[in-house]
N, C-alpha and C. Protein backbone atom coordinates (compact mmCIF):
# COMPACT_ATOMS: atom_id res chain seq x y z
N ARG A 1 -8.83 5.06 -5.02
CA ARG A 1 -10.20 4.60 -4.82
C ARG A 1 -10.23 3.17 -4.27
N LEU A 2 -9.33 2.32 -4.77
CA LEU A 2 -9.29 0.93 -4.31
C LEU A 2 -9.04 0.86 -2.80
N ARG A 3 -8.17 1.72 -2.32
CA ARG A 3 -7.90 1.77 -0.88
C ARG A 3 -9.18 2.01 -0.10
N TRP A 4 -9.96 2.96 -0.52
CA TRP A 4 -11.21 3.26 0.18
C TRP A 4 -12.18 2.09 0.03
N GLN A 5 -12.35 1.58 -1.18
CA GLN A 5 -13.31 0.51 -1.41
C GLN A 5 -13.05 -0.72 -0.55
N LEU A 6 -11.78 -1.11 -0.42
CA LEU A 6 -11.46 -2.34 0.29
C LEU A 6 -11.18 -2.16 1.78
N LEU A 7 -10.65 -1.01 2.14
CA LEU A 7 -10.18 -0.84 3.52
C LEU A 7 -11.04 0.08 4.37
N ARG A 8 -11.83 0.92 3.77
CA ARG A 8 -12.59 1.88 4.57
C ARG A 8 -14.11 1.73 4.39
N ALA A 9 -14.57 1.53 3.16
CA ALA A 9 -16.01 1.41 2.92
C ALA A 9 -16.65 0.28 3.73
N PRO A 10 -16.00 -0.89 3.87
CA PRO A 10 -16.63 -1.96 4.67
C PRO A 10 -16.87 -1.57 6.13
N TRP A 11 -16.18 -0.56 6.60
CA TRP A 11 -16.33 -0.08 7.97
C TRP A 11 -17.19 1.18 8.02
N ASP A 12 -17.92 1.44 6.92
CA ASP A 12 -18.80 2.61 6.82
C ASP A 12 -18.06 3.93 7.02
N GLN A 13 -16.81 3.97 6.58
CA GLN A 13 -16.02 5.20 6.65
C GLN A 13 -16.24 5.99 5.37
N PRO A 14 -16.29 7.29 5.44
CA PRO A 14 -16.55 8.10 4.25
C PRO A 14 -15.40 8.07 3.25
N GLU A 15 -15.74 8.23 1.99
CA GLU A 15 -14.70 8.33 0.97
C GLU A 15 -13.83 9.54 1.29
N GLY A 16 -12.53 9.35 1.20
CA GLY A 16 -11.58 10.39 1.58
C GLY A 16 -10.91 10.08 2.91
N SER A 17 -11.53 9.20 3.71
CA SER A 17 -10.95 8.84 5.01
C SER A 17 -9.69 7.99 4.87
N GLU A 18 -9.45 7.50 3.67
CA GLU A 18 -8.24 6.71 3.42
C GLU A 18 -7.02 7.60 3.20
N ILE A 19 -7.23 8.87 3.16
CA ILE A 19 -6.15 9.85 2.95
C ILE A 19 -5.85 10.52 4.29
N ASP A 20 -4.58 10.54 4.64
CA ASP A 20 -4.21 11.17 5.91
C ASP A 20 -3.17 12.27 5.68
N ASP A 21 -2.67 12.83 6.75
CA ASP A 21 -1.80 14.00 6.65
C ASP A 21 -0.36 13.69 6.26
N ILE A 22 -0.01 12.42 6.07
CA ILE A 22 1.36 12.12 5.63
C ILE A 22 1.39 11.43 4.27
N GLU A 23 0.34 11.57 3.50
CA GLU A 23 0.29 11.00 2.15
C GLU A 23 1.49 11.41 1.31
N ASP A 24 1.81 12.69 1.35
CA ASP A 24 2.88 13.21 0.51
C ASP A 24 4.27 12.83 1.01
N GLU A 25 4.37 12.38 2.25
CA GLU A 25 5.65 11.98 2.82
C GLU A 25 5.90 10.48 2.66
N SER A 26 4.90 9.75 2.21
CA SER A 26 4.97 8.30 2.08
C SER A 26 5.20 7.90 0.64
N MET A 27 5.59 6.65 0.44
CA MET A 27 5.77 6.12 -0.91
C MET A 27 4.59 5.20 -1.21
N HIS A 28 4.01 5.38 -2.38
CA HIS A 28 2.82 4.63 -2.77
C HIS A 28 3.19 3.62 -3.86
N PHE A 29 2.60 2.44 -3.75
CA PHE A 29 2.83 1.36 -4.70
C PHE A 29 1.48 0.91 -5.24
N MET A 30 1.47 0.55 -6.53
CA MET A 30 0.23 0.18 -7.18
C MET A 30 0.50 -0.95 -8.16
N ALA A 31 -0.40 -1.93 -8.18
CA ALA A 31 -0.33 -3.01 -9.16
C ALA A 31 -1.47 -2.83 -10.14
N LEU A 32 -1.14 -2.97 -11.42
CA LEU A 32 -2.13 -2.82 -12.49
C LEU A 32 -2.32 -4.15 -13.20
N ASP A 33 -3.54 -4.36 -13.70
CA ASP A 33 -3.77 -5.56 -14.50
C ASP A 33 -3.44 -5.26 -15.96
N GLU A 34 -3.72 -6.21 -16.82
CA GLU A 34 -3.38 -6.05 -18.25
C GLU A 34 -4.15 -4.93 -18.93
N ASN A 35 -5.25 -4.46 -18.30
CA ASN A 35 -6.04 -3.35 -18.85
C ASN A 35 -5.72 -2.03 -18.16
N GLN A 36 -4.64 -2.02 -17.39
CA GLN A 36 -4.19 -0.83 -16.65
C GLN A 36 -5.17 -0.43 -15.55
N LYS A 37 -5.94 -1.38 -15.06
CA LYS A 37 -6.85 -1.14 -13.94
C LYS A 37 -6.09 -1.45 -12.64
N THR A 38 -6.25 -0.60 -11.64
CA THR A 38 -5.60 -0.81 -10.36
C THR A 38 -6.20 -2.02 -9.66
N VAL A 39 -5.35 -2.98 -9.30
CA VAL A 39 -5.82 -4.20 -8.63
C VAL A 39 -5.12 -4.42 -7.29
N GLY A 40 -4.13 -3.62 -6.98
CA GLY A 40 -3.45 -3.73 -5.69
C GLY A 40 -2.80 -2.41 -5.33
N VAL A 41 -2.79 -2.11 -4.04
CA VAL A 41 -2.19 -0.86 -3.56
C VAL A 41 -1.49 -1.11 -2.22
N ALA A 42 -0.52 -0.30 -1.93
CA ALA A 42 0.15 -0.32 -0.64
C ALA A 42 0.89 1.00 -0.45
N ARG A 43 1.14 1.31 0.81
CA ARG A 43 1.88 2.53 1.12
C ARG A 43 2.99 2.20 2.09
N LEU A 44 4.15 2.79 1.85
CA LEU A 44 5.29 2.67 2.75
C LEU A 44 5.47 4.01 3.43
N GLN A 45 5.38 3.97 4.74
CA GLN A 45 5.50 5.20 5.52
C GLN A 45 6.79 5.10 6.34
N PHE A 46 7.48 6.20 6.46
CA PHE A 46 8.74 6.22 7.20
C PHE A 46 8.49 6.77 8.60
N ASN A 47 8.62 5.90 9.60
CA ASN A 47 8.39 6.29 10.99
C ASN A 47 9.60 6.95 11.63
N SER A 48 10.79 6.57 11.17
CA SER A 48 12.03 7.14 11.69
C SER A 48 13.13 6.85 10.68
N ASP A 49 14.35 7.23 11.02
CA ASP A 49 15.47 6.95 10.12
C ASP A 49 15.76 5.46 10.01
N SER A 50 15.28 4.68 10.96
CA SER A 50 15.57 3.24 10.94
C SER A 50 14.33 2.37 10.72
N GLU A 51 13.13 2.95 10.79
CA GLU A 51 11.91 2.15 10.74
C GLU A 51 10.94 2.64 9.67
N ALA A 52 10.38 1.69 8.93
CA ALA A 52 9.33 1.96 7.96
C ALA A 52 8.11 1.13 8.32
N GLN A 53 6.96 1.53 7.81
CA GLN A 53 5.73 0.82 8.12
C GLN A 53 4.90 0.64 6.85
N VAL A 54 4.35 -0.56 6.68
CA VAL A 54 3.44 -0.84 5.57
C VAL A 54 2.05 -0.42 6.02
N ARG A 55 1.40 0.37 5.20
CA ARG A 55 0.05 0.85 5.51
C ARG A 55 -0.84 0.71 4.28
N TYR A 56 -2.12 0.65 4.51
CA TYR A 56 -3.12 0.70 3.45
C TYR A 56 -2.86 -0.29 2.31
N MET A 57 -2.54 -1.51 2.65
CA MET A 57 -2.27 -2.52 1.62
C MET A 57 -3.53 -3.32 1.35
N ALA A 58 -3.86 -3.48 0.07
CA ALA A 58 -5.06 -4.22 -0.32
C ALA A 58 -4.91 -4.73 -1.75
N VAL A 59 -5.54 -5.87 -2.01
CA VAL A 59 -5.60 -6.44 -3.35
C VAL A 59 -7.08 -6.71 -3.66
N ALA A 60 -7.52 -6.33 -4.84
CA ALA A 60 -8.90 -6.55 -5.25
C ALA A 60 -9.23 -8.04 -5.15
N SER A 61 -10.41 -8.36 -4.65
CA SER A 61 -10.78 -9.76 -4.45
C SER A 61 -10.72 -10.55 -5.76
N SER A 62 -10.98 -9.90 -6.87
CA SER A 62 -10.92 -10.57 -8.17
C SER A 62 -9.50 -10.96 -8.57
N HIS A 63 -8.52 -10.45 -7.86
CA HIS A 63 -7.11 -10.72 -8.18
C HIS A 63 -6.33 -11.34 -7.03
N GLU A 64 -7.04 -11.82 -6.03
CA GLU A 64 -6.37 -12.46 -4.91
C GLU A 64 -5.73 -13.77 -5.35
N ARG A 65 -4.71 -14.19 -4.61
CA ARG A 65 -4.01 -15.46 -4.83
C ARG A 65 -3.31 -15.53 -6.20
N GLN A 66 -2.87 -14.35 -6.66
CA GLN A 66 -2.12 -14.30 -7.91
C GLN A 66 -0.71 -13.75 -7.68
N GLY A 67 -0.34 -13.56 -6.43
CA GLY A 67 0.99 -13.07 -6.11
C GLY A 67 1.12 -11.56 -6.10
N ILE A 68 0.03 -10.85 -6.24
CA ILE A 68 0.09 -9.39 -6.29
C ILE A 68 0.53 -8.81 -4.95
N GLY A 69 -0.04 -9.30 -3.86
CA GLY A 69 0.36 -8.84 -2.53
C GLY A 69 1.82 -9.13 -2.26
N ARG A 70 2.26 -10.31 -2.65
CA ARG A 70 3.67 -10.69 -2.48
C ARG A 70 4.58 -9.74 -3.27
N ASP A 71 4.20 -9.46 -4.51
CA ASP A 71 5.01 -8.56 -5.34
C ASP A 71 5.04 -7.15 -4.76
N LEU A 72 3.92 -6.69 -4.23
CA LEU A 72 3.90 -5.38 -3.59
C LEU A 72 4.84 -5.37 -2.38
N MET A 73 4.81 -6.42 -1.59
CA MET A 73 5.70 -6.49 -0.42
C MET A 73 7.17 -6.54 -0.82
N PHE A 74 7.49 -7.28 -1.88
CA PHE A 74 8.88 -7.30 -2.36
C PHE A 74 9.33 -5.90 -2.74
N ALA A 75 8.47 -5.16 -3.45
CA ALA A 75 8.82 -3.79 -3.86
C ALA A 75 8.97 -2.87 -2.65
N ILE A 76 8.08 -3.01 -1.68
CA ILE A 76 8.14 -2.21 -0.46
C ILE A 76 9.42 -2.51 0.32
N GLU A 77 9.72 -3.79 0.48
CA GLU A 77 10.94 -4.16 1.21
C GLU A 77 12.19 -3.63 0.52
N ALA A 78 12.23 -3.72 -0.79
CA ALA A 78 13.39 -3.21 -1.53
C ALA A 78 13.53 -1.71 -1.34
N GLN A 79 12.43 -0.99 -1.39
CA GLN A 79 12.48 0.46 -1.20
C GLN A 79 12.89 0.83 0.22
N ALA A 80 12.39 0.09 1.18
CA ALA A 80 12.78 0.36 2.58
C ALA A 80 14.28 0.17 2.76
N ARG A 81 14.82 -0.90 2.18
CA ARG A 81 16.27 -1.13 2.28
C ARG A 81 17.04 -0.01 1.59
N THR A 82 16.62 0.36 0.40
CA THR A 82 17.27 1.44 -0.35
C THR A 82 17.24 2.74 0.45
N SER A 83 16.18 2.95 1.20
CA SER A 83 16.04 4.16 2.01
C SER A 83 16.77 4.06 3.34
N GLY A 84 17.44 2.94 3.60
CA GLY A 84 18.24 2.78 4.80
C GLY A 84 17.47 2.32 6.03
N ARG A 85 16.21 1.93 5.87
CA ARG A 85 15.45 1.44 7.02
C ARG A 85 15.85 0.01 7.32
N LYS A 86 16.01 -0.30 8.59
CA LYS A 86 16.43 -1.62 9.03
C LYS A 86 15.26 -2.46 9.52
N LEU A 87 14.14 -1.82 9.84
CA LEU A 87 12.98 -2.51 10.39
C LEU A 87 11.73 -2.08 9.64
N ILE A 88 10.90 -3.06 9.28
CA ILE A 88 9.60 -2.76 8.68
C ILE A 88 8.54 -3.34 9.59
N VAL A 89 7.59 -2.51 9.94
CA VAL A 89 6.46 -2.96 10.76
C VAL A 89 5.18 -2.84 9.96
């Protein structure tokens, strides 16, 4: 839901438009606050055997500038390396 609220709703896109046909092939990352509420999201998509792409990354405005985006990127980069990707776009 956070993906839609932050990345699609501001562009008047319908709920559900944040989901595409490679959801199940991608790796999803989520940051939770102390109440287990989702405050950050990101997706790592594999474009080829050597390239990965960061997609649908967002942090709730109430949690900006707390390092959540940085932590999500660290996790994504680590997973891309583990998966053998040499380039992240």
